Amino acid sequence: MSVAGTAPIGADGTTVQAGDVYWQSVRCLDIAEAALREVGAALADVVRTRVMLVDCDQWREAGRAHGERFAVIRPACTFVQVSRFIDPDWLVEFELDAYVLDS
């Protein structure tokens, strides 16, 4: 299973925590975790993550949020810099790949 499109969007449809990579990362991971739960999966099933940032100099803040969720799981992880996202207030997006067995 792959999870994409985890932009830092709140329940009201607006960007959360404009200017804060850490809190936007937390929101992206919340969205991804909810998507996994919808299909009966969990963060423990994640084997690979991709973190896309508009400013790679801020990778530590995204990495801190990533580490809080994946410290024990330790999936393969790639950080990449992108020129921009659809919304200029978005600073980060996450993608996850999980291995989920059919029941």
N, C-alpha and C. Protein backbone atom coordinates (compact mmCIF):
# COMPACT_ATOMS: atom_id res chain seq x y z
N MET A 1 0.85 -1.18 0.00
CA MET A 1 0.00 0.00 0.00
C MET A 1 0.89 1.23 0.00
N SER A 2 0.49 2.23 -0.73
CA SER A 2 1.21 3.50 -0.74
C SER A 2 0.28 4.62 -0.29
N VAL A 3 0.83 5.54 0.48
CA VAL A 3 0.08 6.71 0.95
C VAL A 3 0.79 7.94 0.40
N ALA A 4 0.06 8.80 -0.29
CA ALA A 4 0.63 10.03 -0.83
C ALA A 4 -0.37 11.15 -0.60
N GLY A 5 0.02 12.35 -0.92
CA GLY A 5 -0.88 13.49 -0.78
C GLY A 5 -1.12 13.90 0.65
N THR A 6 -0.12 13.70 1.48
CA THR A 6 -0.27 14.04 2.89
C THR A 6 0.22 15.46 3.15
N ALA A 7 -0.40 16.39 2.48
CA ALA A 7 -0.05 17.80 2.67
C ALA A 7 -0.54 18.26 4.05
N PRO A 8 0.06 19.32 4.58
CA PRO A 8 -0.29 19.80 5.93
C PRO A 8 -1.61 20.58 5.95
N ILE A 9 -2.69 19.84 5.73
CA ILE A 9 -4.01 20.44 5.66
C ILE A 9 -4.82 20.04 6.88
N GLY A 10 -5.42 21.01 7.52
CA GLY A 10 -6.26 20.75 8.68
C GLY A 10 -7.64 20.25 8.29
N ALA A 11 -8.41 19.87 9.29
CA ALA A 11 -9.76 19.35 9.06
C ALA A 11 -10.65 20.39 8.37
N ASP A 12 -10.33 21.66 8.54
CA ASP A 12 -11.13 22.72 7.92
C ASP A 12 -10.67 23.05 6.49
N GLY A 13 -9.65 22.31 6.00
CA GLY A 13 -9.18 22.51 4.63
C GLY A 13 -8.11 23.57 4.46
N THR A 14 -7.69 24.18 5.55
CA THR A 14 -6.65 25.21 5.47
C THR A 14 -5.30 24.63 5.88
N THR A 15 -4.24 25.30 5.48
CA THR A 15 -2.88 24.89 5.85
C THR A 15 -2.69 25.06 7.35
N VAL A 16 -2.11 24.05 7.98
CA VAL A 16 -1.84 24.15 9.41
C VAL A 16 -0.43 24.70 9.64
N GLN A 17 -0.28 25.45 10.70
CA GLN A 17 1.02 25.91 11.18
C GLN A 17 1.91 26.46 10.06
N ALA A 18 1.42 27.44 9.33
CA ALA A 18 2.22 28.06 8.26
C ALA A 18 3.57 28.51 8.82
N GLY A 19 4.63 28.16 8.12
CA GLY A 19 5.98 28.56 8.52
C GLY A 19 6.68 27.59 9.46
N ASP A 20 6.02 26.52 9.89
CA ASP A 20 6.60 25.60 10.87
C ASP A 20 6.70 24.19 10.30
N VAL A 21 7.90 23.81 9.87
CA VAL A 21 8.12 22.50 9.25
C VAL A 21 7.79 21.36 10.21
N TYR A 22 8.17 21.50 11.47
CA TYR A 22 7.92 20.42 12.43
C TYR A 22 6.42 20.13 12.54
N TRP A 23 5.61 21.15 12.83
CA TRP A 23 4.17 20.93 13.04
C TRP A 23 3.47 20.53 11.74
N GLN A 24 3.94 21.03 10.61
CA GLN A 24 3.38 20.57 9.35
C GLN A 24 3.71 19.09 9.13
N SER A 25 4.91 18.68 9.53
CA SER A 25 5.30 17.27 9.41
C SER A 25 4.42 16.39 10.30
N VAL A 26 4.17 16.85 11.51
CA VAL A 26 3.30 16.11 12.43
C VAL A 26 1.92 15.92 11.79
N ARG A 27 1.38 16.97 11.19
CA ARG A 27 0.07 16.88 10.55
C ARG A 27 0.10 15.90 9.38
N CYS A 28 1.13 15.98 8.55
CA CYS A 28 1.26 15.04 7.42
C CYS A 28 1.27 13.60 7.91
N LEU A 29 2.00 13.34 8.97
CA LEU A 29 2.08 11.98 9.51
C LEU A 29 0.77 11.56 10.14
N ASP A 30 0.04 12.47 10.75
CA ASP A 30 -1.30 12.15 11.27
C ASP A 30 -2.20 11.69 10.13
N ILE A 31 -2.16 12.42 9.02
CA ILE A 31 -2.99 12.07 7.85
C ILE A 31 -2.59 10.70 7.31
N ALA A 32 -1.30 10.46 7.20
CA ALA A 32 -0.81 9.18 6.68
C ALA A 32 -1.21 8.03 7.59
N GLU A 33 -1.06 8.24 8.89
CA GLU A 33 -1.42 7.19 9.85
C GLU A 33 -2.92 6.88 9.77
N ALA A 34 -3.74 7.89 9.63
CA ALA A 34 -5.19 7.67 9.49
C ALA A 34 -5.51 6.87 8.22
N ALA A 35 -4.81 7.17 7.13
CA ALA A 35 -5.02 6.43 5.88
C ALA A 35 -4.65 4.96 6.05
N LEU A 36 -3.56 4.71 6.76
CA LEU A 36 -3.17 3.32 7.03
C LEU A 36 -4.24 2.60 7.84
N ARG A 37 -4.74 3.26 8.87
CA ARG A 37 -5.77 2.64 9.72
C ARG A 37 -7.02 2.29 8.93
N GLU A 38 -7.36 3.12 7.94
CA GLU A 38 -8.55 2.86 7.13
C GLU A 38 -8.50 1.51 6.42
N VAL A 39 -7.31 1.00 6.16
CA VAL A 39 -7.19 -0.30 5.49
C VAL A 39 -6.67 -1.38 6.44
N GLY A 40 -6.73 -1.09 7.73
CA GLY A 40 -6.33 -2.09 8.72
C GLY A 40 -4.83 -2.20 8.91
N ALA A 41 -4.09 -1.19 8.51
CA ALA A 41 -2.63 -1.20 8.65
C ALA A 41 -2.23 -0.22 9.76
N ALA A 42 -0.93 -0.19 10.05
CA ALA A 42 -0.40 0.68 11.10
C ALA A 42 0.98 1.16 10.69
N LEU A 43 1.50 2.11 11.44
CA LEU A 43 2.85 2.60 11.16
C LEU A 43 3.88 1.48 11.19
N ALA A 44 3.64 0.46 11.99
CA ALA A 44 4.57 -0.67 12.07
C ALA A 44 4.69 -1.41 10.74
N ASP A 45 3.73 -1.23 9.84
CA ASP A 45 3.76 -1.88 8.53
C ASP A 45 4.53 -1.08 7.49
N VAL A 46 4.96 0.12 7.83
CA VAL A 46 5.64 1.00 6.88
C VAL A 46 7.07 0.52 6.64
N VAL A 47 7.44 0.39 5.36
CA VAL A 47 8.78 -0.06 5.01
C VAL A 47 9.62 1.04 4.35
N ARG A 48 8.95 2.10 3.88
CA ARG A 48 9.69 3.19 3.23
C ARG A 48 8.91 4.49 3.38
N THR A 49 9.67 5.57 3.60
CA THR A 49 9.07 6.91 3.64
C THR A 49 9.87 7.84 2.74
N ARG A 50 9.16 8.85 2.22
CA ARG A 50 9.79 9.91 1.47
C ARG A 50 9.32 11.23 2.06
N VAL A 51 10.26 12.11 2.30
CA VAL A 51 9.95 13.42 2.87
C VAL A 51 10.36 14.46 1.84
N MET A 52 9.40 15.24 1.40
CA MET A 52 9.67 16.27 0.40
C MET A 52 9.58 17.63 1.07
N LEU A 53 10.63 18.41 0.92
CA LEU A 53 10.73 19.72 1.56
C LEU A 53 11.03 20.79 0.52
N VAL A 54 10.50 22.00 0.73
CA VAL A 54 10.87 23.10 -0.15
C VAL A 54 12.21 23.69 0.25
N ASP A 55 12.67 23.38 1.47
CA ASP A 55 13.98 23.87 1.95
C ASP A 55 14.66 22.76 2.73
N CYS A 56 15.58 22.06 2.08
CA CYS A 56 16.25 20.93 2.72
C CYS A 56 17.06 21.34 3.95
N ASP A 57 17.36 22.62 4.09
CA ASP A 57 18.05 23.06 5.30
C ASP A 57 17.20 22.84 6.54
N GLN A 58 15.90 22.61 6.36
CA GLN A 58 15.01 22.37 7.49
C GLN A 58 14.71 20.88 7.70
N TRP A 59 15.56 20.02 7.17
CA TRP A 59 15.33 18.59 7.26
C TRP A 59 15.29 18.10 8.70
N ARG A 60 16.02 18.74 9.59
CA ARG A 60 16.05 18.27 10.98
C ARG A 60 14.68 18.35 11.64
N GLU A 61 13.92 19.39 11.31
CA GLU A 61 12.58 19.54 11.90
C GLU A 61 11.64 18.45 11.39
N ALA A 62 11.68 18.18 10.09
CA ALA A 62 10.88 17.08 9.54
C ALA A 62 11.38 15.75 10.08
N GLY A 63 12.70 15.63 10.21
CA GLY A 63 13.29 14.41 10.75
C GLY A 63 12.91 14.16 12.20
N ARG A 64 12.75 15.23 12.97
CA ARG A 64 12.34 15.07 14.37
C ARG A 64 10.94 14.46 14.43
N ALA A 65 10.02 14.98 13.63
CA ALA A 65 8.66 14.43 13.60
C ALA A 65 8.68 12.98 13.10
N HIS A 66 9.47 12.72 12.07
CA HIS A 66 9.60 11.37 11.52
C HIS A 66 10.15 10.43 12.60
N GLY A 67 11.18 10.85 13.30
CA GLY A 67 11.78 10.03 14.34
C GLY A 67 10.83 9.73 15.49
N GLU A 68 9.95 10.65 15.81
CA GLU A 68 8.98 10.42 16.88
C GLU A 68 8.02 9.29 16.53
N ARG A 69 7.74 9.11 15.26
CA ARG A 69 6.81 8.05 14.84
C ARG A 69 7.52 6.76 14.45
N PHE A 70 8.74 6.88 13.95
CA PHE A 70 9.39 5.71 13.35
C PHE A 70 10.69 5.28 14.03
N ALA A 71 10.99 5.77 15.21
CA ALA A 71 12.27 5.46 15.87
C ALA A 71 12.47 3.95 16.02
N VAL A 72 11.43 3.24 16.36
CA VAL A 72 11.54 1.79 16.56
C VAL A 72 11.36 1.04 15.25
N ILE A 73 10.52 1.56 14.37
CA ILE A 73 10.18 0.88 13.12
C ILE A 73 11.32 0.98 12.11
N ARG A 74 11.91 2.15 12.00
CA ARG A 74 13.07 2.42 11.16
C ARG A 74 12.91 2.01 9.69
N PRO A 75 11.90 2.57 9.00
CA PRO A 75 11.77 2.28 7.57
C PRO A 75 12.88 2.98 6.78
N ALA A 76 13.11 2.51 5.58
CA ALA A 76 14.01 3.24 4.68
C ALA A 76 13.41 4.63 4.48
N CYS A 77 14.26 5.64 4.41
CA CYS A 77 13.76 7.01 4.33
C CYS A 77 14.61 7.84 3.39
N THR A 78 13.95 8.65 2.59
CA THR A 78 14.63 9.56 1.68
C THR A 78 14.07 10.96 1.88
N PHE A 79 14.95 11.94 1.97
CA PHE A 79 14.57 13.35 2.01
C PHE A 79 14.95 13.96 0.67
N VAL A 80 14.03 14.71 0.08
CA VAL A 80 14.31 15.39 -1.18
C VAL A 80 13.80 16.82 -1.11
N GLN A 81 14.46 17.67 -1.85
CA GLN A 81 14.00 19.05 -1.96
C GLN A 81 13.21 19.21 -3.24
N VAL A 82 12.08 19.90 -3.13
CA VAL A 82 11.24 20.19 -4.29
C VAL A 82 11.19 21.71 -4.47
N SER A 83 10.86 22.14 -5.65
CA SER A 83 10.84 23.59 -5.89
C SER A 83 9.64 24.26 -5.23
N ARG A 84 8.51 23.55 -5.17
CA ARG A 84 7.32 24.10 -4.53
C ARG A 84 6.24 23.05 -4.49
N PHE A 85 5.18 23.37 -3.73
CA PHE A 85 3.98 22.56 -3.70
C PHE A 85 2.83 23.38 -4.29
N ILE A 86 1.67 22.78 -4.39
CA ILE A 86 0.49 23.46 -4.94
C ILE A 86 0.18 24.72 -4.14
N ASP A 87 0.25 24.60 -2.82
CA ASP A 87 -0.01 25.73 -1.94
C ASP A 87 1.33 26.27 -1.45
N PRO A 88 1.61 27.54 -1.63
CA PRO A 88 2.92 28.08 -1.21
C PRO A 88 3.16 28.05 0.30
N ASP A 89 2.11 27.84 1.11
CA ASP A 89 2.29 27.73 2.56
C ASP A 89 2.73 26.34 3.00
N TRP A 90 2.62 25.36 2.10
CA TRP A 90 3.05 24.01 2.44
C TRP A 90 4.57 23.96 2.38
N LEU A 91 5.19 23.47 3.42
CA LEU A 91 6.65 23.36 3.48
C LEU A 91 7.12 21.92 3.33
N VAL A 92 6.23 20.96 3.53
CA VAL A 92 6.63 19.55 3.56
C VAL A 92 5.45 18.67 3.18
N GLU A 93 5.75 17.54 2.59
CA GLU A 93 4.79 16.46 2.35
C GLU A 93 5.50 15.14 2.60
N PHE A 94 4.75 14.15 2.99
CA PHE A 94 5.29 12.81 3.23
C PHE A 94 4.59 11.81 2.32
N GLU A 95 5.32 10.77 1.95
CA GLU A 95 4.76 9.59 1.29
C GLU A 95 5.23 8.38 2.07
N LEU A 96 4.38 7.37 2.17
CA LEU A 96 4.73 6.15 2.88
C LEU A 96 4.37 4.95 2.04
N ASP A 97 5.19 3.92 2.11
CA ASP A 97 4.88 2.62 1.52
C ASP A 97 4.83 1.62 2.66
N ALA A 98 3.75 0.84 2.68
CA ALA A 98 3.57 -0.14 3.74
C ALA A 98 3.34 -1.52 3.11
N TYR A 99 3.78 -2.52 3.81
CA TYR A 99 3.56 -3.89 3.38
C TYR A 99 2.39 -4.42 4.20
N VAL A 100 1.28 -4.66 3.51
CA VAL A 100 0.06 -5.08 4.19
C VAL A 100 -0.41 -6.40 3.57
N LEU A 101 -0.59 -7.38 4.42
CA LEU A 101 -1.08 -8.68 3.95
C LEU A 101 -2.59 -8.64 3.78
N ASP A 102 -3.09 -9.26 2.74
CA ASP A 102 -4.53 -9.38 2.58
C ASP A 102 -5.04 -10.37 3.60
N SER A 103 -6.21 -10.06 4.15
CA SER A 103 -6.77 -11.00 5.13
C SER A 103 -7.81 -11.90 4.54
